Amino acid sequence: MTAVCFSPFKIPRVRITKLNSCGQVVTGSCSQVVSDGIISIAMTKNYEAREEFFIKNGDGKFCVRETTPPILKWIDLVITFCNVDPDILNIATGNALYTDENSVKIGYSTGENAPGTAYFALEGWTRLSGTGVSCSGGTPYGYTLFPRVIEATIGDMTIEDGVANFVMNARTSGNSLWGVGPYNVSNNAITGTAQAMNTPILSDQHHRMFITYLAPPAAACGCAAV
């Protein structure tokens, strides 16, 4: 089986999609946001610790030597933006929108119980260094997916004589119902036509990354329909 190696760097685009509490995509007129204001996505895997079962016999020698391997519980995410999109905040954290007299969304309010009310999927597109990647099919990108993200909170922020980055802290969850997703994110390797993922993400998979030759969607301030 042939393999293609790739080296991701930079992250020009992300998309956040609203989910319901079961992990299903919420369709509607304001269910996704595509942003180029992303700075970074930091991932830290959280594991259930290894269990060890070592038992000695009466002569002081091991008669049982077994372990239960670590099990992934979730992935902690720190998502850093260089600007504030009120719809991203609302979809990802559940904090309420603030509007002006013309119902234009110009801000947000931070609430006590917001982190338990919002669920979303996070997609990202990276540049590739080009090592080992053929450009015959167009410009390659790295596509990364976290199909079910929960418990997002607004991180610490310092407003000062400088740029104030906006940070969200969240974690992934299993039992995703994303499947192949509602979007075209790759090109068919045989026909070249745009398509959704070739295989669905499984319920125990928290993250997926692969090469795609389909360009990321255009960024825009505010939400769009799914």
Protein backbone atom coordinates (compact mmCIF):
# COMPACT_ATOMS: atom_id res chain seq x y z
CA MET A 1 0.00 0.00 0.00
CA THR A 2 1.41 3.37 -1.04
CA ALA A 3 1.78 6.12 1.57
CA VAL A 4 2.31 9.88 1.25
CA CYS A 5 4.25 11.71 3.95
CA PHE A 6 3.53 15.34 4.77
CA SER A 7 4.69 18.11 7.12
CA PRO A 8 1.99 20.54 8.25
CA PHE A 9 2.87 24.14 9.06
CA LYS A 10 0.79 27.27 9.59
CA ILE A 11 -3.02 27.24 9.84
CA PRO A 12 -4.78 29.71 7.53
CA ARG A 13 -8.40 28.65 8.10
CA VAL A 14 -10.77 27.00 10.57
CA ARG A 15 -14.47 26.20 10.51
CA ILE A 16 -16.71 25.78 13.54
CA THR A 17 -20.04 23.96 13.09
CA LYS A 18 -22.87 23.91 15.60
CA LEU A 19 -23.83 20.49 17.02
CA ASN A 20 -26.66 19.43 19.29
CA SER A 21 -26.09 17.65 22.60
CA CYS A 22 -26.06 14.27 20.81
CA GLY A 23 -23.25 15.35 18.47
CA GLN A 24 -25.40 15.84 15.36
CA VAL A 25 -24.94 18.80 13.03
CA VAL A 26 -27.56 21.49 13.61
CA THR A 27 -28.80 22.65 10.21
CA GLY A 28 -30.05 26.20 9.85
CA SER A 29 -29.24 29.70 8.68
CA CYS A 30 -26.58 30.32 11.35
CA SER A 31 -24.82 27.03 12.03
CA GLN A 32 -21.21 27.49 10.89
CA VAL A 33 -18.45 30.09 10.85
CA VAL A 34 -15.30 30.06 8.70
CA SER A 35 -12.49 32.20 10.08
CA ASP A 36 -9.00 33.21 9.01
CA GLY A 37 -8.44 34.86 12.41
CA ILE A 38 -6.99 31.64 13.83
CA ILE A 39 -3.51 31.76 15.40
CA SER A 40 -3.09 28.23 16.73
CA ILE A 41 -4.75 25.02 17.93
CA ALA A 42 -2.86 23.33 20.77
CA MET A 43 -3.68 19.67 21.44
CA THR A 44 -2.92 17.74 24.65
CA LYS A 45 -4.08 14.13 24.88
CA ASN A 46 -5.60 13.12 28.21
CA TYR A 47 -5.21 9.42 29.03
CA GLU A 48 -6.55 7.09 31.68
CA ALA A 49 -3.37 5.88 33.36
CA ARG A 50 -1.93 2.44 32.67
CA GLU A 51 -3.02 -0.26 35.15
CA GLU A 52 -0.38 -2.72 36.30
CA PHE A 53 -1.01 -6.26 37.54
CA PHE A 54 2.24 -7.72 38.88
CA ILE A 55 1.89 -10.50 41.45
CA LYS A 56 4.70 -12.39 43.16
CA ASN A 57 4.61 -16.01 44.21
CA GLY A 58 5.78 -17.37 47.55
CA ASP A 59 9.37 -17.37 46.33
CA GLY A 60 9.32 -13.64 45.58
CA LYS A 61 9.21 -14.07 41.82
CA PHE A 62 6.60 -12.63 39.49
CA CYS A 63 3.93 -15.11 38.46
CA VAL A 64 1.70 -12.47 36.85
CA ARG A 65 3.09 -9.74 34.61
CA GLU A 66 0.25 -7.87 32.91
CA THR A 67 -0.76 -4.30 32.19
CA THR A 68 -3.85 -2.57 30.82
CA PRO A 69 -2.63 0.04 28.31
CA PRO A 70 -3.51 3.72 28.68
CA ILE A 71 -6.89 4.69 27.20
CA LEU A 72 -7.55 8.06 25.56
CA LYS A 73 -10.25 9.93 27.49
CA TRP A 74 -10.26 13.15 25.47
CA ILE A 75 -8.04 15.75 23.84
CA ASP A 76 -7.67 19.12 25.56
CA LEU A 77 -7.75 22.00 23.08
CA VAL A 78 -6.48 25.56 23.39
CA ILE A 79 -7.76 27.54 20.39
CA THR A 80 -6.25 31.01 19.95
CA PHE A 81 -7.68 33.71 17.67
CA CYS A 82 -6.39 37.16 16.76
CA ASN A 83 -9.88 38.65 16.48
CA VAL A 84 -13.28 38.21 18.07
CA ASP A 85 -16.15 36.86 15.95
CA PRO A 86 -19.30 37.02 18.10
CA ASP A 87 -20.86 34.07 16.25
CA ILE A 88 -17.85 31.84 16.97
CA LEU A 89 -18.18 32.70 20.64
CA ASN A 90 -21.87 31.96 20.65
CA ILE A 91 -21.65 28.66 18.74
CA ALA A 92 -18.58 27.36 20.57
CA THR A 93 -19.08 28.58 24.14
CA GLY A 94 -22.81 29.26 24.46
CA ASN A 95 -22.22 32.82 25.67
CA ALA A 96 -24.96 35.23 24.63
CA LEU A 97 -24.64 37.62 21.70
CA TYR A 98 -24.88 41.38 22.14
CA THR A 99 -26.55 43.34 19.33
CA ASP A 100 -27.01 46.98 18.44
CA GLU A 101 -30.26 48.78 17.61
CA ASN A 102 -30.18 47.33 14.08
CA SER A 103 -29.79 43.77 15.40
CA VAL A 104 -26.18 43.68 14.23
CA LYS A 105 -24.08 41.32 16.36
CA ILE A 106 -21.33 43.50 17.81
CA GLY A 107 -20.25 41.62 20.94
CA TYR A 108 -21.00 39.03 23.58
CA SER A 109 -21.78 38.61 27.28
CA THR A 110 -20.03 36.07 29.50
CA GLY A 111 -22.44 33.88 31.48
CA GLU A 112 -21.98 31.51 34.41
CA ASN A 113 -23.45 28.36 32.87
CA ALA A 114 -22.51 28.81 29.22
CA PRO A 115 -19.89 25.98 28.86
CA GLY A 116 -22.48 23.28 29.41
CA THR A 117 -24.81 24.50 26.66
CA ALA A 118 -22.68 24.51 23.50
CA TYR A 119 -21.33 21.73 21.29
CA PHE A 120 -19.41 22.09 18.05
CA ALA A 121 -17.13 20.47 15.49
CA LEU A 122 -13.79 22.06 14.65
CA GLU A 123 -12.07 21.75 11.28
CA GLY A 124 -8.76 23.28 10.29
CA TRP A 125 -6.66 23.61 7.14
CA THR A 126 -2.87 23.77 7.30
CA ARG A 127 -0.20 24.55 4.77
CA LEU A 128 2.15 21.72 3.81
CA SER A 129 5.90 22.04 3.46
CA GLY A 130 5.77 20.03 0.21
CA THR A 131 8.17 17.28 1.29
CA GLY A 132 6.99 14.05 -0.26
CA VAL A 133 3.81 15.63 -1.62
CA SER A 134 3.06 15.78 -5.33
CA CYS A 135 1.45 19.02 -6.52
CA SER A 136 0.08 17.45 -9.71
CA GLY A 137 -3.44 17.49 -8.25
CA GLY A 138 -3.37 21.13 -7.18
CA THR A 139 -2.26 22.88 -4.00
CA PRO A 140 -2.16 20.42 -1.10
CA TYR A 141 -3.44 21.23 2.38
CA GLY A 142 -3.52 19.37 5.64
CA TYR A 143 -7.12 18.89 6.79
CA THR A 144 -7.70 18.31 10.50
CA LEU A 145 -10.99 17.47 12.21
CA PHE A 146 -12.21 17.33 15.81
CA PRO A 147 -15.74 15.98 15.24
CA ARG A 148 -17.19 16.64 18.70
CA VAL A 149 -15.94 19.40 21.00
CA ILE A 150 -17.57 20.28 24.32
CA GLU A 151 -17.15 22.40 27.46
CA ALA A 152 -15.60 25.37 25.68
CA THR A 153 -14.76 28.34 27.87
CA ILE A 154 -13.34 31.78 27.16
CA GLY A 155 -9.74 31.91 28.37
CA ASP A 156 -7.89 34.67 30.15
CA MET A 157 -7.46 37.93 28.24
CA THR A 158 -5.27 40.93 28.91
CA ILE A 159 -6.34 44.24 27.41
CA GLU A 160 -3.28 46.49 27.27
CA ASP A 161 -1.00 48.52 24.98
CA GLY A 162 -0.80 45.62 22.54
CA VAL A 163 -2.86 43.05 20.73
CA ALA A 164 -5.31 41.12 22.91
CA ASN A 165 -5.50 37.53 21.67
CA PHE A 166 -8.72 35.64 22.22
CA VAL A 167 -8.40 32.11 23.64
CA MET A 168 -10.92 29.27 23.99
CA ASN A 169 -10.28 26.18 26.11
CA ALA A 170 -12.27 23.04 25.31
CA ARG A 171 -12.04 19.26 25.06
CA THR A 172 -13.09 16.58 22.62
CA SER A 173 -15.66 13.87 23.31
CA GLY A 174 -16.34 10.45 21.89
CA ASN A 175 -19.62 9.14 20.42
CA SER A 176 -19.48 11.55 17.50
CA LEU A 177 -22.27 11.43 14.93
CA TRP A 178 -20.29 13.46 12.37
CA GLY A 179 -20.00 10.53 9.95
CA VAL A 180 -18.44 11.85 6.73
CA GLY A 181 -19.63 15.36 7.60
CA PRO A 182 -21.93 17.80 5.78
CA TYR A 183 -19.18 19.38 3.66
CA ASN A 184 -16.96 18.53 0.71
CA VAL A 185 -13.43 18.47 2.13
CA SER A 186 -11.42 16.47 -0.44
CA ASN A 187 -11.22 15.44 -4.08
CA ASN A 188 -11.97 11.89 -5.21
CA ALA A 189 -8.60 10.28 -6.04
CA ILE A 190 -10.06 8.65 -9.19
CA THR A 191 -12.54 11.16 -10.61
CA GLY A 192 -11.14 14.36 -9.10
CA THR A 193 -14.61 15.55 -8.07
CA ALA A 194 -15.17 17.27 -4.74
CA GLN A 195 -16.59 15.03 -2.02
CA ALA A 196 -17.00 14.53 1.70
CA MET A 197 -14.55 12.32 3.60
CA ASN A 198 -13.98 8.94 1.96
CA THR A 199 -14.79 7.06 5.18
CA PRO A 200 -16.83 8.18 8.21
CA ILE A 201 -15.19 9.12 11.47
CA LEU A 202 -15.91 6.41 14.05
CA SER A 203 -17.58 6.99 17.39
CA ASP A 204 -14.34 6.34 19.31
CA GLN A 205 -12.19 8.61 17.11
CA HIS A 206 -11.53 12.09 18.52
CA HIS A 207 -9.32 13.48 15.75
CA ARG A 208 -8.49 12.91 12.09
CA MET A 209 -5.94 14.51 9.76
CA PHE A 210 -5.18 13.91 6.10
CA ILE A 211 -3.96 15.56 2.89
CA THR A 212 -6.55 17.25 0.71
CA TYR A 213 -6.28 19.03 -2.63
CA LEU A 214 -9.59 20.85 -2.12
CA ALA A 215 -9.00 24.43 -1.05
CA PRO A 216 -10.50 25.56 2.27
CA PRO A 217 -13.72 27.58 2.23
CA ALA A 218 -13.59 31.37 2.11
CA ALA A 219 -13.47 33.14 5.46
CA ALA A 220 -16.16 35.61 6.51
CA CYS A 221 -17.12 37.47 9.65
CA GLY A 222 -20.35 36.05 11.04
CA CYS A 223 -22.23 32.81 10.61
CA ALA A 224 -23.57 31.01 7.54
CA ALA A 225 -26.04 28.25 6.77
CA VAL A 226 -25.49 24.48 6.86
